[in-house]
C-alpha cells in the first residue's frame, strides 16, 4: 500500500482534474446553447432566401376552346355558310381563333376562317363557307383552334355533309382536223358547241379530272403535256416534249382509279403526276424498246399495257405503285384497244386478233387468262357503263352491249365507224365520236339522244362534271 503522502497527492490531482472537467463542460454547454440560438435565428432567414430566390412567374397554360354550336353530328348541305360559335379562355391573353372542315384523313376540305380575340375569355362567332362542289357526301370533322400567341388549344366535333347533286358542266371534244393540228370544242350544259381553241401540234393523249378540275392534253412528236383550268383554259402546269427524232414523246395519258395522272414517255418510262399541281411520285421503266399505251391501278399495283415500237409485240407489265419496281411481265396475244379493272386481281382486256374482236379475262397475279367473248368484227372503241356492262363499237358499224357473266353481247344500234366512246354518268348517255360528229346514245336502247357537229376526226370525248 502506498504511503499516505502519495495517496494525498493522487487525491489532489483527481480533484484538480474533475474541476477542469466541470469547467470544460460548462464552457461546452454555453457554446452549444449559443449555437442552437444562432440556428434558430438562421433558419427563418435561410428559408426566406431560398423561397425568395426560387419564386417564378406562373407557367403559361394552353388556351381552351369549346365549340358551342353547331351541335355534335349536325348536318349541312352544300352550298351553305356554317355559323360556328366558340367559347375561348386563356390565363395570359387570347390572340386568334380559327375554324375549318377536315375530311376523314384530317386534311382540310375548305379554307379556314380566322378571327382575332382579346382578353382572357370571349365568345366568338365565325362564318365558315362550305361551298365547294368537290365535297362528297359523308362524315367530316369541324375543327376549331385558339392561340394565345405561343400556345394553342383545339376542339372538334363530327359534321354530316350532303354534297351538291352531280351535274354535267361541259363536254370537251378533241379532234384532228388536219395533219399537225388539234382542235378543242366545248359543249356546255345547254347543248351549245363552240370551238374553244386549236393547237399547231399532234395529239399524244388527253384526259380530264373532274375531281381536280383539270383538263390534260399531250402532244405526240411535238407539243407539251399541259394541264389546263377548264373554265378559262389557263395553263396550270406543264411538262416539255423532249422528242428529237420525230417519234411521239408522250405515248399514253390516263387518269386512273387512284386519282393520279399516268403518262407514258418515249424514253420507256411511265410516270404519274398529281393532277392539281403536276408533282411526280411514280416512275416505272418498261422493258427495252417497249412503250406504255395504257395504265390502270388496282390496290398497290399499276397495270400497264405495253407495245414494242419495232415489232408491235404487246405485253402486260405489273409494277408496285410505291416503288415503281417491276413485279412481272406477261405476254399478250392480241392487239389491245382498251382494258378495265374488273376486280382486285382481275382485268378485262378488249382487243383484236385474226380479224375478230375479243375480250380476255386475265388474272393479274400469274396471268391466267380465258376468252370471255368473241365478236365477228374488230373492235374500234369500248366504254364501261355499269358494274359489269360495256358498250363495244365494231368496225362494221355494229354497236354492242356486253354483259360480263350475264347475257353475253347484244346489238343495240348501227352507227358510222366509231373512233371513241365516253360515258356521261349524269345523263347516263354514251358519247360516240366519229368523223365530224359526236352522238349521244342511250346505252340501254341504243336510241340517239342528241349530238353535235365538229371538224375533223374525233379522238377524245371528255365529260366534265362538277366533281
Protein backbone atom coordinates (compact mmCIF):
# COMPACT_ATOMS: atom_id res chain seq x y z
CA UNK A 1 0.00 0.00 0.00
CA UNK A 2 1.33 3.47 -0.97
CA UNK A 3 2.38 5.85 1.70
CA UNK A 4 -0.22 8.34 2.87
CA UNK A 5 1.65 11.17 1.20
CA UNK A 6 1.28 9.50 -2.19
CA UNK A 7 -2.45 8.97 -1.65
CA UNK A 8 -2.90 12.57 -0.69
CA UNK A 9 -1.13 13.68 -3.84
CA UNK A 10 -3.24 11.40 -6.01
CA UNK A 11 -6.47 12.69 -4.44
CA UNK A 12 -5.40 16.28 -5.05
CA UNK A 13 -4.67 15.58 -8.71
CA UNK A 14 -8.05 13.90 -9.16
CA UNK A 15 -9.78 16.93 -7.63
CA UNK A 16 -7.95 19.22 -10.00
CA UNK A 17 -8.85 17.03 -12.99
CA UNK A 18 -12.56 16.85 -12.06
CA UNK A 19 -12.67 20.59 -11.60
CA UNK A 20 -11.24 21.02 -15.04
CA UNK A 21 -13.90 18.73 -16.46
CA UNK A 22 -16.65 20.71 -14.80
CA UNK A 23 -15.26 23.91 -16.20
CA UNK A 24 -14.91 22.36 -19.67
CA UNK A 25 -18.46 21.01 -19.56
CA UNK A 26 -19.74 24.41 -18.51
CA UNK A 27 -18.00 26.11 -21.42
CA UNK A 28 -19.23 23.42 -23.83
CA UNK A 29 -22.77 23.86 -22.57
CA UNK A 30 -22.66 27.59 -23.10
CA UNK A 31 -21.21 27.04 -26.60
CA UNK A 32 -23.96 24.61 -27.63
CA UNK A 33 -26.68 26.84 -26.20
CA UNK A 34 -25.29 29.74 -28.23
CA UNK A 35 -25.05 27.63 -31.38
CA UNK A 36 -28.66 26.48 -31.04
CA UNK A 37 -29.80 30.06 -30.57
CA UNK A 38 -27.94 31.09 -33.69
CA UNK A 39 -29.52 28.22 -35.63
CA UNK A 40 -33.00 29.29 -34.53
CA UNK A 41 -32.27 32.77 -35.84
CA UNK A 42 -30.62 31.48 -39.07
CA UNK A 43 -33.31 29.05 -40.29
CA UNK A 44 -36.05 31.65 -40.99
CA UNK A 45 -33.51 33.77 -42.81
CA UNK A 46 -32.38 30.73 -44.86
CA UNK A 47 -35.94 29.76 -45.77
CA UNK A 48 -36.69 33.33 -46.76
CA UNK A 49 -33.66 33.46 -49.03
CA UNK A 50 -34.45 30.08 -50.60
CA UNK A 51 -38.12 30.77 -51.22
CA UNK A 52 -37.39 34.26 -52.39
CA UNK A 53 -34.76 33.04 -54.85
CA UNK A 54 -36.96 30.21 -56.28
CA UNK A 55 -40.08 32.29 -56.81
CA UNK A 56 -41.13 32.25 -60.56
CA UNK A 57 -43.84 33.71 -62.67
CA UNK A 58 -46.87 31.39 -63.14
CA UNK A 59 -46.43 28.97 -66.12
CA UNK A 60 -48.28 29.90 -69.33
CA UNK A 61 -51.10 27.42 -69.83
CA UNK A 62 -52.51 26.45 -73.22
CA UNK A 63 -55.72 28.27 -74.08
CA UNK A 64 -59.00 26.38 -74.14
CA UNK A 65 -61.71 26.39 -76.79
CA UNK A 66 -65.16 24.81 -76.83
CA UNK A 67 -67.49 24.58 -79.82
CA UNK A 68 -70.89 25.75 -78.62
CA UNK A 69 -72.72 25.46 -81.96
CA UNK A 70 -73.48 23.74 -84.22
CA UNK A 71 -74.19 20.67 -82.14
CA UNK A 72 -72.32 17.39 -82.41
CA UNK A 73 -73.26 15.45 -85.61
CA UNK A 74 -75.14 18.40 -87.09
CA UNK A 75 -75.83 18.40 -90.84
CA UNK A 76 -75.05 20.87 -93.60
CA UNK A 77 -75.96 20.78 -97.30
CA UNK A 78 -73.53 22.24 -99.84
CA UNK A 79 -73.58 25.13 -100.62
CA UNK A 80 -74.05 26.79 -97.25
CA UNK A 81 -72.31 29.03 -94.75
CA UNK A 82 -71.93 27.34 -91.40
CA UNK A 83 -72.22 29.66 -88.39
CA UNK A 84 -69.77 28.42 -85.75
CA UNK A 85 -69.92 29.73 -82.18
CA UNK A 86 -66.99 29.02 -79.85
CA UNK A 87 -66.08 29.88 -76.26
CA UNK A 88 -62.37 30.57 -75.59
CA UNK A 89 -60.35 31.16 -72.41
CA UNK A 90 -56.68 31.78 -71.55
CA UNK A 91 -54.74 32.76 -68.42
CA UNK A 92 -52.46 35.20 -70.25
CA UNK A 93 -54.48 36.67 -73.09
CA UNK A 94 -56.10 35.49 -76.33
CA UNK A 95 -54.75 36.11 -79.82
CA UNK A 96 -56.59 34.26 -82.63
CA UNK A 97 -59.45 31.82 -83.24
CA UNK A 98 -59.77 29.64 -86.35
CA UNK A 99 -62.26 27.07 -87.72
CA UNK A 100 -62.12 24.73 -90.72
CA UNK A 101 -63.52 21.45 -92.01
CA UNK A 102 -61.40 18.27 -92.15
CA UNK A 103 -62.08 15.15 -94.20
CA UNK A 104 -61.70 11.61 -92.87
CA UNK A 105 -57.93 11.80 -93.45
CA UNK A 106 -57.74 15.01 -91.36
CA UNK A 107 -56.98 17.03 -94.50
CA UNK A 108 -58.63 20.49 -94.73
CA UNK A 109 -61.61 20.29 -97.10
CA UNK A 110 -62.31 24.04 -97.13
CA UNK A 111 -60.30 27.18 -96.45
CA UNK A 112 -60.02 28.05 -92.76
CA UNK A 113 -61.71 31.16 -91.35
CA UNK A 114 -59.90 33.12 -88.62
CA UNK A 115 -60.77 35.95 -86.25
CA UNK A 116 -58.80 37.92 -83.66
CA UNK A 117 -59.55 37.55 -79.96
CA UNK A 118 -58.56 39.68 -76.94
CA UNK A 119 -58.75 39.43 -73.19
CA UNK A 120 -58.74 36.21 -71.20
CA UNK A 121 -62.20 34.95 -72.19
CA UNK A 122 -64.56 35.51 -75.08
CA UNK A 123 -67.42 34.04 -77.08
CA UNK A 124 -66.72 34.31 -80.81
CA UNK A 125 -68.89 33.64 -83.85
CA UNK A 126 -67.31 32.77 -87.22
CA UNK A 127 -68.96 32.20 -90.62
CA UNK A 128 -67.43 29.18 -92.41
CA UNK A 129 -68.39 28.96 -96.13
CA UNK A 130 -68.90 25.36 -97.27
CA UNK A 131 -69.48 25.84 -100.98
CA UNK A 132 -67.01 23.57 -102.80
CA UNK A 133 -68.71 21.24 -105.25
CA UNK A 134 -65.71 18.93 -104.83
CA UNK A 135 -67.03 17.86 -101.42
CA UNK A 136 -68.72 14.47 -101.43
CA UNK A 137 -71.44 13.41 -99.03
CA UNK A 138 -70.23 11.90 -95.77
CA UNK A 139 -68.87 12.48 -92.30
CA UNK A 140 -66.44 15.36 -91.77
CA UNK A 141 -64.83 17.00 -88.75
CA UNK A 142 -65.46 20.58 -87.67
CA UNK A 143 -62.08 21.68 -86.27
CA UNK A 144 -61.62 24.79 -84.11
CA UNK A 145 -58.35 26.18 -82.72
CA UNK A 146 -57.36 29.08 -80.46
CA UNK A 147 -53.96 30.66 -79.87
CA UNK A 148 -52.51 32.98 -77.24
CA UNK A 149 -49.51 33.79 -79.40
CA UNK A 150 -47.32 30.94 -78.21
CA UNK A 151 -49.57 28.03 -77.25
CA UNK A 152 -52.76 26.73 -78.82
CA UNK A 153 -55.80 24.68 -77.94
CA UNK A 154 -58.33 22.81 -80.07
CA UNK A 155 -61.79 21.31 -80.11
CA UNK A 156 -63.55 19.21 -82.73
CA UNK A 157 -66.83 17.50 -83.47
CA UNK A 158 -68.45 15.50 -86.24
CA UNK A 159 -70.42 17.12 -89.03
CA UNK A 160 -72.52 15.43 -91.73
CA UNK A 161 -72.16 16.97 -95.18
CA UNK A 162 -74.59 16.45 -98.05
CA UNK A 163 -72.94 17.23 -101.37
CA UNK A 164 -74.43 19.15 -104.26
CA UNK A 165 -76.04 16.89 -106.87
CA UNK A 166 -73.68 15.55 -109.51
CA UNK A 167 -74.07 17.63 -112.68
CA UNK A 168 -72.51 17.91 -116.11
CA UNK A 169 -70.62 21.15 -116.61
CA UNK A 170 -69.40 20.66 -120.17
CA UNK A 171 -68.22 18.09 -122.68
CA UNK A 172 -64.83 18.63 -124.35
CA UNK A 173 -64.19 17.12 -127.78
CA UNK A 174 -60.70 16.85 -129.24
CA UNK A 175 -60.41 16.38 -132.98
CA UNK A 176 -57.66 16.23 -135.58
CA UNK A 177 -58.96 18.42 -138.44
CA UNK A 178 -55.71 18.10 -140.42
CA UNK A 179 -52.20 16.76 -140.03
CA UNK A 180 -50.29 18.58 -137.30
CA UNK A 181 -53.29 20.39 -135.78
CA UNK A 182 -55.58 19.67 -132.84
CA UNK A 183 -58.92 21.35 -132.18
CA UNK A 184 -60.76 21.57 -128.87
CA UNK A 185 -64.55 22.02 -128.80
CA UNK A 186 -66.64 22.75 -125.75
CA UNK A 187 -70.30 21.78 -125.46
CA UNK A 188 -71.98 23.44 -122.48
CA UNK A 189 -74.79 22.05 -120.35
CA UNK A 190 -77.38 23.65 -122.62
CA UNK A 191 -76.03 21.80 -125.65
CA UNK A 192 -74.28 24.75 -127.32
CA UNK A 193 -70.99 23.79 -129.00
CA UNK A 194 -68.18 26.26 -129.68
CA UNK A 195 -64.61 25.94 -130.90
CA UNK A 196 -62.53 26.64 -127.79
CA UNK A 197 -59.00 26.63 -129.21
CA UNK A 198 -56.64 24.98 -131.68
CA UNK A 199 -53.02 23.92 -131.32
CA UNK A 200 -50.36 23.52 -134.03
CA UNK A 201 -49.30 20.09 -132.82
CA UNK A 202 -50.24 16.43 -132.99
CA UNK A 203 -52.13 14.54 -130.31
CA UNK A 204 -50.47 12.06 -127.96
CA UNK A 205 -53.27 11.72 -125.43
CA UNK A 206 -55.89 13.52 -123.35
CA UNK A 207 -57.86 13.10 -120.13
CA UNK A 208 -59.95 15.12 -117.70
CA UNK A 209 -60.17 15.11 -113.90
CA UNK A 210 -63.47 16.38 -112.53
CA UNK A 211 -62.12 15.99 -109.00
CA UNK A 212 -59.07 18.18 -109.64
CA UNK A 213 -60.91 20.31 -112.23
CA UNK A 214 -58.10 19.87 -114.76
CA UNK A 215 -58.06 19.13 -118.50
CA UNK A 216 -54.92 17.35 -119.77
CA UNK A 217 -53.71 17.45 -123.36
CA UNK A 218 -50.41 15.94 -124.50
CA UNK A 219 -48.65 16.30 -127.83
CA UNK A 220 -47.11 13.42 -129.71
CA UNK A 221 -43.98 14.13 -131.71
CA UNK A 222 -44.49 17.79 -130.81
CA UNK A 223 -46.47 19.62 -128.17
CA UNK A 224 -46.03 19.64 -124.39
CA UNK A 225 -48.10 17.88 -121.76
CA UNK A 226 -50.31 20.64 -120.36
CA UNK A 227 -52.81 20.79 -117.52
CA UNK A 228 -55.49 23.42 -118.11
CA UNK A 229 -58.09 25.04 -115.91
CA UNK A 230 -61.19 24.08 -117.92
CA UNK A 231 -63.00 27.31 -117.02
CA UNK A 232 -60.60 29.77 -118.64
CA UNK A 233 -58.19 27.35 -120.37
CA UNK A 234 -55.25 28.83 -118.44
CA UNK A 235 -52.19 26.55 -118.21
CA UNK A 236 -51.79 25.41 -114.59
CA UNK A 237 -48.70 23.21 -115.09
CA UNK A 238 -46.87 21.52 -117.96
CA UNK A 239 -44.09 19.13 -118.89
CA UNK A 240 -41.93 19.57 -122.00
CA UNK A 241 -41.92 17.40 -125.10
CA UNK A 242 -38.36 16.09 -125.49
CA UNK A 243 -38.77 14.30 -128.81
CA UNK A 244 -35.78 14.84 -131.12
CA UNK A 245 -36.38 12.13 -133.74
CA UNK A 246 -39.99 12.80 -134.75
CA UNK A 247 -41.38 9.92 -132.69
CA UNK A 248 -44.25 10.54 -130.25
CA UNK A 249 -42.76 11.60 -126.91
CA UNK A 250 -45.99 11.16 -124.92
CA UNK A 251 -47.35 7.69 -125.68
CA UNK A 252 -50.32 7.47 -123.28
CA UNK A 253 -52.32 9.68 -120.90
CA UNK A 254 -54.63 8.03 -118.34
CA UNK A 255 -56.45 9.27 -115.28
CA UNK A 256 -56.50 6.19 -113.03
CA UNK A 257 -58.64 4.96 -110.16
CA UNK A 258 -56.21 6.34 -107.56
CA UNK A 259 -56.90 9.85 -108.88
CA UNK A 260 -53.43 10.36 -110.36
CA UNK A 261 -52.44 11.06 -113.96
CA UNK A 262 -50.23 8.38 -115.55
CA UNK A 263 -48.27 9.36 -118.66
CA UNK A 264 -46.16 7.15 -120.91
CA UNK A 265 -42.94 8.62 -122.32
CA UNK A 266 -40.79 7.73 -125.31
CA UNK A 267 -37.79 7.19 -123.02
CA UNK A 268 -39.50 3.95 -121.95
CA UNK A 269 -40.92 5.23 -118.66
CA UNK A 270 -44.39 5.51 -117.17
CA UNK A 271 -44.72 8.43 -114.75
CA UNK A 272 -47.53 9.61 -112.51
CA UNK A 273 -48.41 13.18 -111.59
CA UNK A 274 -50.63 14.91 -109.08
CA UNK A 275 -53.42 16.26 -111.33
CA UNK A 276 -53.71 19.52 -109.40
CA UNK A 277 -50.09 20.68 -109.40
CA UNK A 278 -48.05 18.25 -111.50
CA UNK A 279 -45.97 16.83 -108.66
CA UNK A 280 -44.46 13.49 -109.69
CA UNK A 281 -44.32 10.44 -107.42
CA UNK A 282 -44.05 7.27 -109.51
CA UNK A 283 -41.70 6.15 -112.27
CA UNK A 284 -41.66 2.72 -113.85
CA UNK A 285 -39.30 1.59 -116.61
CA UNK A 286 -40.59 -0.56 -119.46
CA UNK A 287 -38.57 -3.45 -120.93
CA UNK A 288 -36.17 -2.29 -123.64
CA UNK A 289 -37.93 -0.79 -126.71
CA UNK A 290 -41.38 -1.12 -125.12
CA UNK A 291 -43.63 1.91 -124.59
CA UNK A 292 -46.70 2.37 -122.38
CA UNK A 293 -50.05 2.55 -124.22
CA UNK A 294 -52.43 2.40 -121.22
CA UNK A 295 -52.14 2.38 -117.42
CA UNK A 296 -54.58 1.18 -114.76
CA UNK A 297 -54.32 0.96 -110.97
CA UNK A 298 -55.67 -1.61 -108.52
CA UNK A 299 -54.70 -1.82 -104.86
CA UNK A 300 -50.95 -1.20 -104.61
CA UNK A 301 -50.26 -2.19 -108.23
CA UNK A 302 -50.05 -0.40 -111.57
CA UNK A 303 -51.04 -2.47 -114.61
CA UNK A 304 -49.52 -1.21 -117.87
CA UNK A 305 -50.30 -2.31 -121.43
CA UNK A 306 -47.10 -2.05 -123.47
CA UNK A 307 -46.14 -2.17 -127.14
CA UNK A 308 -42.75 -2.83 -128.74
CA UNK A 309 -42.27 0.11 -131.09
CA UNK A 310 -40.47 -2.02 -133.72
CA UNK A 311 -42.07 -5.48 -133.67
CA UNK A 312 -45.50 -4.28 -132.34
CA UNK A 313 -45.44 -7.10 -129.76
CA UNK A 314 -47.73 -6.42 -126.80
CA UNK A 315 -47.24 -7.24 -123.14
CA UNK A 316 -48.78 -6.57 -119.75
CA UNK A 317 -46.41 -5.11 -117.15
CA UNK A 318 -47.29 -5.12 -113.46
CA UNK A 319 -45.48 -2.65 -111.19
CA UNK A 320 -45.50 -1.81 -107.50
CA UNK A 321 -47.17 1.53 -107.08
CA UNK A 322 -44.97 2.66 -104.20
CA UNK A 323 -41.56 1.94 -105.73
CA UNK A 324 -42.20 1.57 -109.45
CA UNK A 325 -40.38 -1.77 -109.41
CA UNK A 326 -41.50 -4.45 -111.86
CA UNK A 327 -43.43 -7.34 -110.32
CA UNK A 328 -43.84 -9.36 -113.51
CA UNK A 329 -44.29 -9.12 -117.29
CA UNK A 330 -46.87 -11.19 -119.17
CA UNK A 331 -47.20 -11.78 -122.94
CA UNK A 332 -50.40 -10.58 -124.63
CA UNK A 333 -51.63 -12.41 -127.74
CA UNK A 334 -53.90 -9.69 -129.14
CA UNK A 335 -53.73 -6.02 -130.10
CA UNK A 336 -55.39 -4.23 -127.18
CA UNK A 337 -57.95 -1.47 -127.69
CA UNK A 338 -58.67 -0.77 -124.03
CA UNK A 339 -58.50 -2.51 -120.66
CA UNK A 340 -60.61 -2.21 -117.49
CA UNK A 341 -60.10 -3.39 -113.92
CA UNK A 342 -62.83 -5.94 -113.14
CA UNK A 343 -61.78 -6.82 -109.60
CA UNK A 344 -58.84 -6.57 -107.23
CA UNK A 345 -56.95 -9.25 -109.17
CA UNK A 346 -58.83 -9.26 -112.49
CA UNK A 347 -58.53 -7.15 -115.64
CA UNK A 348 -60.64 -7.31 -118.81
CA UNK A 349 -58.64 -6.59 -121.98
CA UNK A 350 -60.65 -5.74 -125.11
CA UNK A 351 -58.74 -6.10 -128.38
CA UNK A 352 -58.39 -7.75 -131.75
CA UNK A 353 -56.79 -10.92 -133.11
CA UNK A 354 -57.18 -12.58 -136.50
CA UNK A 355 -59.75 -10.01 -137.62
CA UNK A 356 -62.07 -10.65 -134.67
CA UNK A 357 -62.87 -8.60 -131.60
CA UNK A 358 -62.16 -10.39 -128.33
CA UNK A 359 -62.25 -9.75 -124.60
CA UNK A 360 -59.81 -11.54 -122.30
CA UNK A 361 -60.43 -12.03 -118.60
CA UNK A 362 -56.96 -12.09 -117.07
CA UNK A 363 -55.77 -12.72 -113.53
CA UNK A 364 -53.26 -10.00 -112.70
CA UNK A 365 -51.14 -12.20 -110.46
CA UNK A 366 -49.87 -15.06 -112.59
CA UNK A 367 -51.50 -14.09 -115.88
CA UNK A 368 -54.12 -16.84 -116.07
CA UNK A 369 -56.43 -15.93 -118.99
CA UNK A 370 -59.64 -17.07 -120.61
CA UNK A 371 -61.51 -15.57 -123.56
CA UNK A 372 -64.79 -14.22 -122.23
CA UNK A 373 -66.34 -13.31 -125.60
CA UNK A 374 -65.60 -13.04 -129.33
CA UNK A 375 -67.20 -10.68 -131.87
CA UNK A 376 -67.33 -11.18 -135.64
CA UNK A 377 -65.61 -7.87 -136.43
CA UNK A 378 -62.68 -5.94 -134.91
CA UNK A 379 -63.30 -3.59 -132.00
CA UNK A 380 -62.77 0.14 -132.65
CA UNK A 381 -63.83 1.55 -129.26
CA UNK A 382 -65.19 0.37 -125.91
CA UNK A 383 -66.52 2.01 -122.74
CA UNK A 384 -67.84 0.76 -119.38
CA UNK A 385 -71.36 1.98 -118.48
CA UNK A 386 -72.17 -0.14 -115.38
CA UNK A 387 -70.54 -2.57 -112.97
CA UNK A 388 -70.50 -5.50 -115.42
CA UNK A 389 -71.63 -3.81 -118.62
CA UNK A 390 -69.65 -2.36 -121.54
CA UNK A 391 -70.59 -0.75 -124.86
CA UNK A 392 -68.47 -2.15 -127.71
CA UNK A 393 -68.19 -0.47 -131.13
CA UNK A 394 -67.22 -2.75 -134.02
CA UNK A 395 -65.54 -1.90 -137.32
CA UNK A 396 -68.70 -2.90 -139.25
CA UNK A 397 -70.76 -0.18 -137.51
CA UNK A 398 -72.45 -2.55 -135.09
CA UNK A 399 -72.83 -1.18 -131.55
CA UNK A 400 -73.00 -3.93 -128.93
CA UNK A 401 -73.82 -4.05 -125.22
CA UNK A 402 -71.68 -6.68 -123.49
CA UNK A 403 -72.60 -8.01 -120.05
CA UNK A 404 -69.90 -9.98 -118.25
CA UNK A 405 -71.23 -13.15 -116.68
CA UNK A 406 -74.71 -12.38 -117.96
CA UNK A 407 -76.48 -12.48 -121.32
CA UNK A 408 -73.32 -12.11 -123.40
CA UNK A 409 -73.41 -9.38 -126.06
CA UNK A 410 -76.44 -7.76 -127.71
CA UNK A 411 -76.58 -5.47 -130.77
CA UNK A 412 -78.30 -2.19 -129.84
CA UNK A 413 -77.64 0.14 -132.81
CA UNK A 414 -75.97 0.65 -136.17
CA UNK A 415 -73.67 3.67 -136.39
CA UNK A 416 -70.87 5.07 -138.51
CA UNK A 417 -67.49 3.58 -137.60
CA UNK A 418 -66.74 4.99 -134.15
CA UNK A 419 -63.31 6.16 -133.02
CA UNK A 420 -64.05 6.73 -129.35
CA UNK A 421 -66.70 6.21 -126.65
CA UNK A 422 -67.19 8.06 -123.34
CA UNK A 423 -69.78 7.62 -120.57
CA UNK A 424 -71.74 10.53 -119.09
CA UNK A 425 -72.55 9.44 -115.53
CA UNK A 426 -75.04 12.29 -115.04
CA UNK A 427 -77.33 11.74 -118.03
CA UNK A 428 -76.49 8.06 -118.46
CA UNK A 429 -75.53 8.54 -122.12
CA UNK A 430 -72.61 7.21 -124.11
CA UNK A 431 -70.92 9.83 -126.29
CA UNK A 432 -69.82 8.21 -129.54
CA UNK A 433 -67.25 10.02 -131.68
CA UNK A 434 -66.76 9.62 -135.40
CA UNK A 435 -65.57 11.76 -138.32
CA UNK A 436 -67.07 15.24 -137.87
CA UNK A 437 -69.70 14.22 -135.33
CA UNK A 438 -70.41 13.29 -131.70
CA UNK A 439 -73.58 11.32 -130.93
CA UNK A 440 -75.26 10.91 -127.53
CA UNK A 441 -76.65 7.36 -127.34
CA UNK A 442 -78.81 5.64 -124.74
CA UNK A 443 -76.76 2.53 -123.80
CA UNK A 444 -79.91 0.64 -122.83
CA UNK A 445 -81.93 1.04 -126.02
CA UNK A 446 -79.36 2.29 -128.50
CA UNK A 447 -81.55 5.34 -129.24
CA UNK A 448 -79.74 8.52 -130.28
CA UNK A 449 -80.46 11.25 -127.72
CA UNK A 450 -78.68 14.12 -129.48
CA UNK A 451 -75.27 15.18 -130.69
CA UNK A 452 -73.15 17.94 -132.21
CA UNK A 453 -71.01 18.59 -135.26
CA UNK A 454 -67.25 19.21 -135.19
CA UNK A 455 -64.46 19.49 -137.73
CA UNK A 456 -62.12 16.53 -138.11
CA UNK A 457 -61.77 13.02 -136.75
CA UNK A 458 -62.92 12.77 -133.15
CA UNK A 459 -60.16 11.35 -130.96
CA UNK A 460 -61.42 12.06 -127.43
CA UNK A 461 -64.75 12.99 -125.84
CA UNK A 462 -64.28 14.10 -122.22
CA UNK A 463 -67.34 14.78 -119.98
CA UNK A 464 -66.52 17.37 -117.32
CA UNK A 465 -68.54 17.08 -114.09
CA UNK A 466 -68.77 19.39 -111.11
CA UNK A 467 -66.78 16.89 -109.03
